[in-house]
Amino acid sequence: MDVTEVFNNAEQTPNRALPGNSHQGEKRPAGDEPDVVPRKISAEEHKRRLLELVEQAEDVPDSIDETGLKRMILSFEKRVNKNQELRIKYSNQPTKFVDSEVDLHAAIQELHVIATQPNLYGILVQFKAHSTLLQLLLHSNTDIAVAVVDLLQELTDIDEDNQEDSGIDSLIDALMDEQLPLTLVQNMDRMDESIKEEASAIHNSLGIIENIIDVQPELTVTIAKQGILAWILKRLKLKAFEANKLYCSEILSILLQNQTEVQKMLGEADGIDILLQQLATYKRNEPSSNEEIEYMENIFNCVCSILSLNENRVRFVKGEGIQLMILMLKEKHASRNCAIKVLNHACSGDDGGPCCSKLIESLGLRAIFPLFMRTPKRHKKAGPNQEELEEHIISIVTSLVRHSEGAQRQRLMTKFSENNHEKIERLLELHFKYLERVEVVNKKVEKEREQLLKYGEVDEENEEEFYMQRLEAGLFCLQMVDYTLVEVSQAGQDVKNRIFEILRMRGASSKVIKTVVREYADNIGDAMDEDDRRHEQERILQLVDEF
């Protein structure tokens, strides 16, 4: 905003109430500038003060040295103290302390220059300026708090290339020692998002959290415990979609990623129900914008993250999450492909049994197998791509085969016999597709192994790297497909006959399938205890022998 615009605004709103003063119940109009103007002053006086602020902002240097920073901090502290004294002395007379408030706001703006020289952050900490800034986050005048949030966001937004040479770690440590996340939550709780500046302050507060986690990921759990997780869950409940709700979903996704303790906290806070309520909107409705698509995907990713814990899978089933995902599969909306990904996370692994059982019980086979027979295309704006979708669907079917028991297993196995064994044909189609890819990478890996042997030996780390290359190239899907073939061959002689008939038609051998499944058994269950791992290996190898 230039000076002319400032003057125009001054003429339009010469008597704006001071936020946080004794005139309770009066709101600052949305869109006003964050400087503070008392009641009953003339438009000319308002112009003069605004012009002083503009001139002060123009006088702020582009850089500063250590001595200059110390002087700036001392000046800042004096203005803070003066404002506090006048507010106490004239608590019922805002016109008496408004000038000190304008001066304090200007002092905060001056401190932005420090962000250009993060190597000086240590001086901020040394002179306890960070502590003063945290106190000002709860200043009675929300304009002051907004200005402090804006400053802290800029101070913590460090370019990764310059991080090592900066004092950002010392600043973050100092801020966290004084419970910055908790103070941010207290400040956000009093913000009115119908006012543009205060909505922006909430966005910048979330930006501070993101900046801190980028620099020190190990603080994620501490940040979540200081009220940020609870505040985000509460904020997501608001129905209207806008920028801050999107940012909340992004921060929540960051908090949950690979953080078991935070995932547990969310489950215990009934966060799974909140997430499912958010997703229910997209059961039959499309997101209205690209931003809302991003929001929807963030919430789906959050659900995937929390399902790594068994106790959260139990809550997911209890909250009818499986049924919601099945309903989404039946629609061709943006949510369908994301729901496929969630079901894979729910059903896979050693703890996937209850989710698989609920999926079959809820008639989910009718929704899964048409997608298995023909992998859906990626939605034009959302969800995994077609290759990823195929992998998710194969994994779901494999999990169902692995975990189903009793009458549910019989229902599942019947699916592989119906319609002239079309699903067996699909399994073998996938087998040959991924086998071809794996054979290509096998040749590449063998050449790399030969090169290493020329100059030394192939160690365990090399072998693990080779195995990962093969998994990424298609071995993972091939293992799932071939394991499923071995399992369903137990469904009846007609199924087994059809498998071998197709293999003969393609000039292929069952030995390849056996070799793939044996390798799968050798590498299964790293997360299992030794007895469970050995038992599962023996079960799979027995299936191979009977194939």
Protein backbone atom coordinates (compact mmCIF):
# COMPACT_ATOMS: atom_id res chain seq x y z
CA MET A 1 0.00 0.00 0.00
CA ASP A 2 1.47 3.40 -0.96
CA VAL A 3 1.14 6.65 1.01
CA THR A 4 -1.84 7.85 -1.07
CA GLU A 5 -3.76 4.68 -0.24
CA VAL A 6 -2.88 5.10 3.42
CA PHE A 7 -4.27 8.65 3.35
CA ASN A 8 -7.44 7.47 1.61
CA ASN A 9 -7.98 4.83 4.26
CA ALA A 10 -7.34 7.40 6.94
CA GLU A 11 -10.09 9.62 5.56
CA GLN A 12 -12.52 6.72 5.44
CA THR A 13 -11.86 5.40 8.97
CA PRO A 14 -10.64 8.24 11.16
CA ASN A 15 -12.26 6.94 14.35
CA ARG A 16 -11.38 3.24 14.34
CA ALA A 17 -11.49 1.61 17.76
CA LEU A 18 -8.28 0.36 19.31
CA PRO A 19 -8.33 -3.46 19.53
CA GLY A 20 -7.79 -4.69 23.04
CA ASN A 21 -8.59 -1.38 24.76
CA SER A 22 -11.43 -0.64 27.13
CA HIS A 23 -14.00 -0.38 24.32
CA GLN A 24 -14.96 -4.02 24.54
CA GLY A 25 -17.22 -5.54 21.91
CA GLU A 26 -16.09 -3.21 19.09
CA LYS A 27 -14.47 -5.04 16.18
CA ARG A 28 -11.72 -3.78 13.92
CA PRO A 29 -13.05 -3.75 10.35
CA ALA A 30 -11.55 -6.38 8.05
CA GLY A 31 -8.96 -5.00 5.68
CA ASP A 32 -7.70 -2.15 7.91
CA GLU A 33 -4.00 -1.68 8.29
CA PRO A 34 -2.49 -3.07 11.49
CA ASP A 35 -1.44 0.31 12.96
CA VAL A 36 -3.42 1.57 15.93
CA VAL A 37 -5.55 4.73 16.02
CA PRO A 38 -7.46 6.00 19.09
CA ARG A 39 -10.98 7.31 19.11
CA LYS A 40 -11.78 11.00 18.78
CA ILE A 41 -8.75 12.16 16.83
CA SER A 42 -8.89 14.13 13.64
CA ALA A 43 -8.29 12.72 10.18
CA GLU A 44 -5.31 15.08 9.85
CA GLU A 45 -3.73 13.67 13.02
CA HIS A 46 -4.41 10.16 11.76
CA LYS A 47 -2.66 11.00 8.48
CA ARG A 48 0.33 12.46 10.30
CA ARG A 49 0.84 9.34 12.42
CA LEU A 50 0.46 7.00 9.47
CA LEU A 51 2.95 9.04 7.48
CA GLU A 52 5.41 8.80 10.37
CA LEU A 53 5.07 5.00 10.25
CA VAL A 54 5.67 4.95 6.50
CA GLU A 55 8.74 7.15 6.86
CA GLN A 56 10.05 4.97 9.68
CA ALA A 57 9.58 1.85 7.56
CA GLU A 58 11.47 3.52 4.69
CA ASP A 59 14.31 4.38 7.06
CA VAL A 60 14.87 0.75 8.12
CA PRO A 61 18.31 -0.32 6.85
CA ASP A 62 18.75 -3.26 4.50
CA SER A 63 21.42 -4.74 6.76
CA ILE A 64 22.76 -4.26 10.26
CA ASP A 65 25.90 -5.07 12.22
CA GLU A 66 26.22 -6.48 15.73
CA THR A 67 26.46 -3.06 17.40
CA GLY A 68 23.48 -1.74 15.47
CA LEU A 69 21.42 -4.78 16.43
CA LYS A 70 22.20 -4.30 20.11
CA ARG A 71 21.05 -0.69 19.90
CA MET A 72 17.90 -1.77 18.06
CA ILE A 73 17.07 -4.37 20.72
CA LEU A 74 17.60 -1.87 23.54
CA SER A 75 15.34 0.63 21.79
CA PHE A 76 12.74 -2.08 21.27
CA GLU A 77 12.82 -3.06 24.95
CA LYS A 78 12.41 0.60 26.00
CA ARG A 79 9.31 0.94 23.83
CA VAL A 80 7.88 -2.26 25.27
CA ASN A 81 8.43 -1.04 28.82
CA LYS A 82 7.01 2.40 28.09
CA ASN A 83 3.89 0.89 26.57
CA GLN A 84 3.42 -1.42 29.54
CA GLU A 85 3.81 1.44 32.00
CA LEU A 86 1.33 3.68 30.19
CA ARG A 87 -1.19 0.87 29.80
CA ILE A 88 -1.08 0.22 33.53
CA LYS A 89 -1.21 3.91 34.46
CA TYR A 90 -3.97 4.86 32.02
CA SER A 91 -5.83 1.59 31.66
CA ASN A 92 -9.15 3.36 31.03
CA GLN A 93 -7.77 6.10 28.80
CA PRO A 94 -6.55 4.60 25.50
CA THR A 95 -5.65 7.99 24.07
CA LYS A 96 -2.90 8.25 26.69
CA PHE A 97 -1.03 5.13 25.53
CA VAL A 98 -1.86 4.99 21.83
CA ASP A 99 1.30 6.81 20.76
CA SER A 100 3.43 4.28 22.63
CA GLU A 101 1.53 1.53 20.84
CA VAL A 102 2.32 3.07 17.47
CA ASP A 103 5.99 3.34 18.49
CA LEU A 104 6.03 -0.28 19.64
CA HIS A 105 4.50 -1.45 16.37
CA ALA A 106 7.19 0.48 14.47
CA ALA A 107 9.92 -1.08 16.63
CA ILE A 108 8.68 -4.56 15.78
CA GLN A 109 8.74 -3.70 12.08
CA GLU A 110 12.35 -2.53 12.40
CA LEU A 111 13.37 -5.95 13.74
CA HIS A 112 12.54 -7.54 10.37
CA VAL A 113 15.98 -6.52 9.16
CA ILE A 114 17.48 -9.23 11.38
CA ALA A 115 15.92 -11.90 9.15
CA THR A 116 18.42 -10.95 6.44
CA GLN A 117 21.31 -11.83 8.76
CA PRO A 118 20.46 -15.01 10.68
CA ASN A 119 24.05 -15.19 11.88
CA LEU A 120 23.04 -12.48 14.38
CA TYR A 121 20.20 -14.51 15.91
CA GLY A 122 22.45 -15.39 18.83
CA ILE A 123 22.37 -11.75 19.93
CA LEU A 124 18.57 -11.81 19.98
CA VAL A 125 18.76 -14.77 22.33
CA GLN A 126 21.58 -13.27 24.40
CA PHE A 127 19.56 -10.09 25.06
CA LYS A 128 16.34 -12.10 25.73
CA ALA A 129 14.52 -10.33 22.89
CA HIS A 130 12.87 -13.64 21.97
CA SER A 131 11.32 -13.76 25.43
CA THR A 132 9.92 -10.27 25.04
CA LEU A 133 8.47 -11.17 21.66
CA LEU A 134 6.68 -14.16 23.15
CA GLN A 135 5.17 -11.92 25.82
CA LEU A 136 3.94 -9.57 23.12
CA LEU A 137 2.15 -12.46 21.38
CA LEU A 138 -0.44 -12.10 24.14
CA HIS A 139 -0.54 -8.28 24.06
CA SER A 140 -4.02 -6.84 24.59
CA ASN A 141 -3.80 -5.12 21.22
CA THR A 142 -4.08 -7.88 18.61
CA ASP A 143 -2.34 -5.62 16.07
CA ILE A 144 0.83 -5.97 18.13
CA ALA A 145 0.42 -9.75 18.33
CA VAL A 146 -0.16 -9.93 14.56
CA ALA A 147 3.05 -7.98 13.96
CA VAL A 148 5.03 -10.31 16.25
CA VAL A 149 3.70 -13.41 14.48
CA ASP A 150 4.71 -11.93 11.14
CA LEU A 151 8.21 -11.23 12.49
CA LEU A 152 8.67 -14.72 13.99
CA GLN A 153 7.52 -16.33 10.76
CA GLU A 154 10.14 -14.41 8.81
CA LEU A 155 12.89 -15.09 11.37
CA THR A 156 12.29 -18.85 11.30
CA ASP A 157 11.98 -19.10 7.51
CA ILE A 158 15.61 -19.95 6.77
CA ASP A 159 16.90 -21.01 3.39
CA GLU A 160 18.23 -24.57 3.65
CA ASP A 161 21.51 -23.59 1.99
CA ASN A 162 22.23 -21.02 4.71
CA GLN A 163 21.01 -23.05 7.66
CA GLU A 164 24.38 -24.33 8.86
CA ASP A 165 25.93 -20.87 9.07
CA SER A 166 22.94 -19.28 10.80
CA GLY A 167 21.88 -18.98 14.42
CA ILE A 168 18.47 -20.50 13.71
CA ASP A 169 19.03 -23.49 16.00
CA SER A 170 19.85 -21.30 18.98
CA LEU A 171 16.78 -19.15 18.31
CA ILE A 172 14.48 -22.17 17.97
CA ASP A 173 15.91 -23.74 21.13
CA ALA A 174 15.29 -20.52 23.04
CA LEU A 175 11.75 -20.15 21.70
CA MET A 176 10.90 -23.78 22.47
CA ASP A 177 12.32 -23.44 25.99
CA GLU A 178 9.63 -20.81 26.57
CA GLN A 179 6.86 -22.94 24.99
CA LEU A 180 6.36 -21.05 21.75
CA PRO A 181 3.75 -23.52 20.35
CA LEU A 182 1.59 -23.17 23.46
CA THR A 183 1.77 -19.37 23.25
CA LEU A 184 0.88 -19.47 19.55
CA VAL A 185 -2.16 -21.60 20.35
CA GLN A 186 -3.30 -19.13 23.03
CA ASN A 187 -2.94 -16.30 20.55
CA MET A 188 -4.72 -18.14 17.72
CA ASP A 189 -7.63 -18.93 20.02
CA ARG A 190 -8.44 -15.23 20.36
CA MET A 191 -8.05 -14.34 16.68
CA ASP A 192 -11.09 -13.43 14.63
CA GLU A 193 -10.63 -14.93 11.16
CA SER A 194 -13.28 -12.64 9.69
CA ILE A 195 -10.63 -9.94 10.03
CA LYS A 196 -8.07 -10.25 7.24
CA GLU A 197 -4.98 -9.45 9.35
CA GLU A 198 -5.93 -11.90 12.09
CA ALA A 199 -6.66 -14.67 9.59
CA SER A 200 -3.21 -13.97 8.12
CA ALA A 201 -1.72 -14.20 11.62
CA ILE A 202 -3.13 -17.72 12.03
CA HIS A 203 -1.65 -18.70 8.66
CA ASN A 204 1.74 -17.29 9.70
CA SER A 205 1.52 -19.06 13.08
CA LEU A 206 1.16 -22.36 11.26
CA GLY A 207 4.06 -21.27 9.06
CA ILE A 208 6.22 -20.85 12.17
CA ILE A 209 5.41 -24.43 13.19
CA GLU A 210 6.30 -25.72 9.72
CA ASN A 211 9.58 -23.76 9.71
CA ILE A 212 10.61 -25.16 13.08
CA ILE A 213 9.89 -28.76 12.05
CA ASP A 214 11.84 -28.23 8.82
CA VAL A 215 14.89 -27.19 10.84
CA GLN A 216 14.50 -29.55 13.81
CA PRO A 217 12.20 -32.50 12.96
CA GLU A 218 12.93 -34.03 16.34
CA LEU A 219 10.71 -31.34 17.92
CA THR A 220 7.59 -32.66 16.18
CA VAL A 221 6.24 -34.58 19.18
CA THR A 222 6.96 -31.71 21.58
CA ILE A 223 5.14 -29.28 19.29
CA ALA A 224 2.14 -31.60 19.00
CA LYS A 225 1.95 -31.96 22.78
CA GLN A 226 1.93 -28.19 23.31
CA GLY A 227 -1.59 -27.85 21.97
CA ILE A 228 -0.96 -27.63 18.22
CA LEU A 229 -2.46 -31.05 17.43
CA ALA A 230 -5.59 -30.38 19.50
CA TRP A 231 -6.00 -26.90 17.99
CA ILE A 232 -5.73 -28.24 14.41
CA LEU A 233 -8.29 -30.98 15.05
CA LYS A 234 -10.70 -28.39 16.47
CA ARG A 235 -10.05 -26.07 13.53
CA LEU A 236 -10.77 -28.82 10.97
CA LYS A 237 -14.30 -29.17 12.35
CA LEU A 238 -15.29 -25.79 10.90
CA LYS A 239 -17.38 -26.48 7.81
CA ALA A 240 -16.25 -23.67 5.53
CA PHE A 241 -13.23 -24.43 3.37
CA GLU A 242 -10.58 -21.71 3.05
CA ALA A 243 -6.80 -21.21 3.05
CA ASN A 244 -6.24 -21.73 6.78
CA LYS A 245 -8.14 -25.02 6.77
CA LEU A 246 -5.94 -26.20 3.90
CA TYR A 247 -2.80 -25.18 5.80
CA CYS A 248 -4.06 -27.01 8.90
CA SER A 249 -4.33 -30.20 6.86
CA GLU A 250 -0.76 -29.73 5.60
CA ILE A 251 0.65 -29.22 9.09
CA LEU A 252 -1.31 -32.21 10.41
CA SER A 253 0.14 -34.38 7.66
CA ILE A 254 3.64 -33.22 8.62
CA LEU A 255 3.02 -33.90 12.33
CA LEU A 256 1.82 -37.45 11.66
CA GLN A 257 4.46 -38.52 9.16
CA ASN A 258 6.59 -41.28 10.71
CA GLN A 259 5.68 -40.05 14.20
CA THR A 260 4.18 -42.97 16.13
CA GLU A 261 3.61 -40.94 19.29
CA VAL A 262 1.69 -38.22 17.44
CA GLN A 263 -0.36 -40.85 15.60
CA LYS A 264 -1.25 -42.35 18.98
CA MET A 265 -2.16 -38.92 20.38
CA LEU A 266 -4.51 -38.29 17.46
CA GLY A 267 -6.25 -41.63 17.94
CA GLU A 268 -6.74 -41.01 21.66
CA ALA A 269 -8.16 -37.54 20.94
CA ASP A 270 -10.93 -39.00 18.72
CA GLY A 271 -9.09 -37.52 15.76
CA ILE A 272 -9.95 -40.47 13.50
CA ASP A 273 -13.66 -39.64 13.70
CA ILE A 274 -12.87 -36.01 12.85
CA LEU A 275 -10.86 -37.05 9.80
CA LEU A 276 -13.57 -39.44 8.62
CA GLN A 277 -16.18 -36.69 9.02
CA GLN A 278 -14.06 -34.46 6.81
CA LEU A 279 -13.77 -37.17 4.15
CA ALA A 280 -17.48 -38.03 4.24
CA THR A 281 -18.13 -34.75 2.42
CA TYR A 282 -16.42 -36.18 -0.66
CA LYS A 283 -18.32 -39.46 -0.71
CA ARG A 284 -20.65 -38.19 -3.40
CA ASN A 285 -19.36 -34.67 -3.98
CA GLU A 286 -16.35 -33.39 -5.88
CA PRO A 287 -14.01 -30.81 -4.31
CA SER A 288 -14.88 -27.37 -5.66
CA SER A 289 -11.33 -26.20 -6.45
CA ASN A 290 -7.73 -27.35 -6.84
CA GLU A 291 -7.05 -26.13 -3.31
CA GLU A 292 -9.88 -28.23 -1.92
CA ILE A 293 -8.57 -31.25 -3.85
CA GLU A 294 -5.24 -30.72 -2.12
CA TYR A 295 -7.04 -30.50 1.22
CA MET A 296 -8.89 -33.77 0.56
CA GLU A 297 -5.65 -35.54 -0.39
CA ASN A 298 -3.95 -34.24 2.77
CA ILE A 299 -6.71 -35.69 4.94
CA PHE A 300 -6.52 -39.04 3.12
CA ASN A 301 -2.73 -39.04 3.67
CA CYS A 302 -3.28 -38.34 7.38
CA VAL A 303 -5.58 -41.38 7.59
CA CYS A 304 -2.95 -43.52 5.86
CA SER A 305 -0.33 -42.37 8.37
CA ILE A 306 -2.39 -43.17 11.48
CA LEU A 307 -3.28 -46.67 10.21
CA SER A 308 0.28 -47.80 10.84
CA LEU A 309 -0.81 -48.32 14.48
CA ASN A 310 -2.99 -51.32 15.25
CA GLU A 311 -4.98 -49.43 17.90
CA ASN A 312 -5.86 -46.83 15.28
CA ARG A 313 -7.00 -49.53 12.85
CA VAL A 314 -9.39 -50.72 15.56
CA ARG A 315 -10.75 -47.16 15.90
CA PHE A 316 -10.95 -46.87 12.11
CA VAL A 317 -13.09 -50.01 11.89
CA LYS A 318 -15.24 -48.91 14.82
CA GLY A 319 -15.75 -45.50 13.19
CA GLU A 320 -17.04 -47.26 10.04
CA GLY A 321 -14.05 -46.12 8.03
CA ILE A 322 -14.07 -49.31 5.94
CA GLN A 323 -17.71 -48.77 4.94
CA LEU A 324 -17.00 -45.16 3.99
CA MET A 325 -14.10 -46.21 1.75
CA ILE A 326 -16.26 -48.89 0.09
CA LEU A 327 -18.95 -46.30 -0.68
CA MET A 328 -16.29 -44.11 -2.27
CA LEU A 329 -15.09 -47.03 -4.43
CA LYS A 330 -18.54 -47.30 -5.94
CA GLU A 331 -18.43 -43.69 -7.10
CA LYS A 332 -16.19 -42.24 -9.80
CA HIS A 333 -15.39 -39.09 -7.90
CA ALA A 334 -11.96 -37.73 -6.98
CA SER A 335 -12.12 -39.52 -3.64
CA ARG A 336 -12.27 -43.05 -5.12
CA ASN A 337 -8.60 -43.53 -5.91
CA CYS A 338 -7.56 -42.04 -2.57
CA ALA A 339 -9.91 -44.49 -0.83
CA ILE A 340 -8.13 -47.39 -2.59
CA LYS A 341 -4.87 -46.21 -1.06
CA VAL A 342 -6.44 -46.00 2.42
CA LEU A 343 -7.86 -49.52 2.17
CA ASN A 344 -4.42 -50.84 1.25
CA HIS A 345 -2.92 -49.24 4.36
CA ALA A 346 -5.76 -50.59 6.50
CA CYS A 347 -5.63 -54.19 5.23
CA SER A 348 -1.89 -54.75 4.74
CA GLY A 349 0.60 -56.10 7.25
CA ASP A 350 0.29 -58.43 10.21
CA ASP A 351 -2.47 -56.32 11.82
CA GLY A 352 -4.67 -56.12 8.72
CA GLY A 353 -6.94 -59.04 9.62
CA PRO A 354 -9.82 -57.11 11.27
CA CYS A 355 -9.95 -54.59 8.41
CA CYS A 356 -9.99 -57.40 5.82
CA SER A 357 -12.77 -59.13 7.72
CA LYS A 358 -14.83 -55.93 7.90
CA LEU A 359 -14.27 -55.29 4.19
CA ILE A 360 -15.64 -58.73 3.25
CA GLU A 361 -18.48 -58.46 5.78
CA SER A 362 -19.46 -55.06 4.31
CA LEU A 363 -19.73 -56.52 0.79
CA GLY A 364 -16.52 -54.82 -0.25
CA LEU A 365 -15.56 -57.64 -2.62
CA ARG A 366 -18.17 -56.33 -5.05
CA ALA A 367 -16.34 -53.01 -5.13
CA ILE A 368 -12.75 -54.29 -5.10
CA PHE A 369 -12.78 -56.98 -7.80
CA PRO A 370 -14.11 -54.84 -10.68
CA LEU A 371 -11.17 -52.51 -9.97
CA PHE A 372 -8.84 -55.53 -9.82
CA MET A 373 -10.04 -56.69 -13.22
CA ARG A 374 -9.48 -53.28 -14.75
CA THR A 375 -7.26 -50.79 -12.98
CA PRO A 376 -8.93 -47.37 -12.94
CA LYS A 377 -7.19 -44.45 -14.54
CA ARG A 378 -5.82 -41.68 -12.42
CA HIS A 379 -8.36 -38.99 -11.68
CA LYS A 380 -7.44 -35.92 -13.69
CA LYS A 381 -6.74 -33.88 -10.56
CA ALA A 382 -6.36 -36.15 -7.53
CA GLY A 383 -5.04 -39.39 -6.12
CA PRO A 384 -2.35 -41.93 -7.06
CA ASN A 385 -1.38 -42.58 -10.68
CA GLN A 386 -2.49 -45.74 -12.49
CA GLU A 387 0.66 -47.72 -11.68
CA GLU A 388 0.33 -46.89 -7.99
CA LEU A 389 -3.36 -47.77 -8.05
CA GLU A 390 -2.63 -51.16 -9.56
CA GLU A 391 -0.08 -51.84 -6.83
CA HIS A 392 -2.57 -50.80 -4.11
CA ILE A 393 -5.30 -53.04 -5.53
CA ILE A 394 -2.99 -56.04 -5.90
CA SER A 395 -1.87 -55.55 -2.31
CA ILE A 396 -5.48 -55.36 -1.06
CA VAL A 397 -6.40 -58.63 -2.81
CA THR A 398 -3.27 -60.31 -1.45
CA SER A 399 -4.11 -59.14 2.09
CA LEU A 400 -7.66 -60.46 1.77
CA VAL A 401 -6.34 -63.84 0.65
CA ARG A 402 -3.81 -63.92 3.46
CA HIS A 403 -6.11 -62.90 6.32
CA SER A 404 -9.53 -64.32 5.43
CA GLU A 405 -10.83 -67.34 7.36
CA GLY A 406 -13.84 -69.60 7.53
CA ALA A 407 -16.97 -68.60 5.63
CA GLN A 408 -15.38 -65.32 4.54
CA ARG A 409 -12.49 -67.19 2.95
CA GLN A 410 -14.93 -69.41 1.09
CA ARG A 411 -16.74 -66.34 -0.27
CA LEU A 412 -13.40 -64.90 -1.37
CA MET A 413 -12.19 -68.08 -3.06
CA THR A 414 -15.47 -68.39 -4.94
CA LYS A 415 -14.62 -65.11 -6.64
CA PHE A 416 -11.62 -66.77 -8.32
CA SER A 417 -13.78 -69.54 -9.78
CA GLU A 418 -16.67 -67.48 -11.14
CA ASN A 419 -17.01 -66.28 -14.74
CA ASN A 420 -14.74 -69.01 -16.14
CA HIS A 421 -11.89 -68.16 -13.75
CA GLU A 422 -11.49 -64.64 -15.16
CA LYS A 423 -9.68 -63.47 -12.02
CA ILE A 424 -7.13 -66.28 -12.38
CA GLU A 425 -6.53 -65.08 -15.93
CA ARG A 426 -6.07 -61.55 -14.59
CA LEU A 427 -3.58 -62.76 -11.97
CA LEU A 428 -1.48 -64.51 -14.62
CA GLU A 429 -1.71 -61.46 -16.89
CA LEU A 430 -0.22 -59.43 -14.06
CA HIS A 431 2.36 -62.15 -13.37
CA PHE A 432 3.77 -61.97 -16.91
CA LYS A 433 3.63 -58.16 -16.92
CA TYR A 434 5.73 -57.76 -13.79
CA LEU A 435 7.98 -60.75 -14.50
CA GLU A 436 9.08 -59.05 -17.72
CA ARG A 437 10.00 -55.89 -15.79
CA VAL A 438 11.87 -57.81 -13.12
CA GLU A 439 13.88 -59.77 -15.68
CA VAL A 440 15.09 -56.48 -17.18
CA VAL A 441 16.27 -55.14 -13.85
CA ASN A 442 17.77 -58.51 -12.91
CA LYS A 443 20.13 -58.24 -15.89
CA LYS A 444 21.07 -54.71 -14.85
CA VAL A 445 21.72 -55.80 -11.26
CA GLU A 446 23.82 -58.74 -12.41
CA LYS A 447 26.07 -56.42 -14.43
CA GLU A 448 26.50 -54.15 -11.41
CA ARG A 449 27.35 -57.17 -9.26
CA GLU A 450 29.98 -58.31 -11.75
CA GLN A 451 31.53 -54.83 -11.77
CA LEU A 452 31.77 -54.83 -7.98
CA LEU A 453 33.34 -58.28 -7.94
CA LYS A 454 36.08 -57.07 -10.29
CA TYR A 455 37.26 -54.58 -7.67
CA GLY A 456 36.45 -56.42 -4.48
CA GLU A 457 33.42 -58.18 -3.06
CA VAL A 458 29.66 -57.72 -2.85
CA ASP A 459 28.74 -57.07 0.77
CA GLU A 460 25.40 -57.25 2.55
CA GLU A 461 24.71 -53.56 1.97
CA ASN A 462 25.17 -54.04 -1.78
CA GLU A 463 22.77 -56.99 -1.80
CA GLU A 464 20.14 -54.97 0.07
CA GLU A 465 20.50 -52.17 -2.47
CA PHE A 466 20.10 -54.64 -5.34
CA TYR A 467 17.01 -56.12 -3.71
CA MET A 468 15.46 -52.66 -3.28
CA GLN A 469 16.11 -51.89 -6.96
CA ARG A 470 14.29 -55.07 -7.93
CA LEU A 471 11.36 -54.34 -5.59
CA GLU A 472 10.92 -50.86 -7.03
CA ALA A 473 11.10 -52.18 -10.59
CA GLY A 474 8.17 -54.54 -10.04
CA LEU A 475 9.34 -57.41 -7.84
CA PHE A 476 7.02 -56.32 -5.01
CA CYS A 477 3.93 -56.63 -7.23
CA LEU A 478 5.23 -59.87 -8.74
CA GLN A 479 5.65 -61.35 -5.26
CA MET A 480 2.10 -60.32 -4.28
CA VAL A 481 0.63 -61.77 -7.46
CA ASP A 482 2.53 -65.05 -7.28
CA TYR A 483 1.82 -65.48 -3.57
CA THR A 484 -1.89 -64.98 -4.33
CA LEU A 485 -1.71 -67.58 -7.11
CA VAL A 486 -0.17 -70.11 -4.74
CA GLU A 487 -2.83 -69.38 -2.09
CA VAL A 488 -5.86 -69.55 -4.39
CA SER A 489 -4.61 -72.75 -6.01
CA GLN A 490 -5.79 -74.36 -2.76
CA ALA A 491 -9.39 -73.31 -3.54
CA GLY A 492 -10.02 -76.35 -5.71
CA GLN A 493 -8.63 -78.54 -8.43
CA ASP A 494 -10.45 -76.55 -11.10
CA VAL A 495 -8.58 -73.40 -10.09
CA LYS A 496 -5.23 -75.16 -10.09
CA ASN A 497 -5.96 -76.74 -13.46
CA ARG A 498 -6.77 -73.35 -14.96
CA ILE A 499 -3.51 -71.88 -13.64
CA PHE A 500 -1.41 -74.63 -15.22
CA GLU A 501 -3.42 -74.53 -18.43
CA ILE A 502 -2.63 -70.83 -18.92
CA LEU A 503 1.04 -71.40 -18.04
CA ARG A 504 1.27 -74.12 -20.72
CA MET A 505 -0.43 -71.88 -23.28
CA ARG A 506 2.19 -69.18 -22.60
CA GLY A 507 5.08 -71.67 -22.62
CA ALA A 508 5.83 -70.80 -18.98
CA SER A 509 6.67 -72.89 -15.95
CA SER A 510 5.35 -73.00 -12.41
CA LYS A 511 8.99 -73.10 -11.27
CA VAL A 512 9.27 -69.33 -11.79
CA ILE A 513 6.27 -68.72 -9.52
CA LYS A 514 7.74 -71.03 -6.86
CA THR A 515 11.12 -69.25 -7.02
CA VAL A 516 9.50 -65.84 -6.63
CA VAL A 517 7.40 -66.92 -3.64
CA ARG A 518 10.37 -68.61 -1.95
CA GLU A 519 12.35 -65.38 -2.22
CA TYR A 520 9.32 -63.54 -0.81
CA ALA A 521 9.25 -65.95 2.16
CA ASP A 522 12.96 -65.42 2.79
CA ASN A 523 12.45 -61.66 3.13
CA ILE A 524 9.11 -61.57 4.91
CA GLY A 525 8.23 -60.06 8.25
CA ASP A 526 11.18 -57.93 9.34
CA ALA A 527 8.83 -56.34 11.91
CA MET A 528 7.73 -59.73 13.29
CA ASP A 529 9.31 -61.44 16.24
CA GLU A 530 11.42 -64.45 15.31
CA ASP A 531 8.84 -67.15 16.15
CA ASP A 532 6.05 -65.49 14.14
CA ARG A 533 8.40 -64.90 11.24
CA ARG A 534 9.52 -68.53 11.19
CA HIS A 535 5.94 -69.78 11.41
CA GLU A 536 4.82 -67.59 8.48
CA GLN A 537 7.79 -68.68 6.38
CA GLU A 538 7.00 -72.33 7.02
CA ARG A 539 3.34 -71.79 6.08
CA ILE A 540 4.25 -70.09 2.78
CA LEU A 541 6.90 -72.66 1.87
CA GLN A 542 4.39 -75.45 2.51
CA LEU A 543 1.99 -73.77 0.07
CA VAL A 544 4.80 -73.63 -2.49
CA ASP A 545 5.50 -77.34 -2.07
CA GLU A 546 1.80 -78.11 -2.60
CA PHE A 547 1.50 -75.87 -5.66
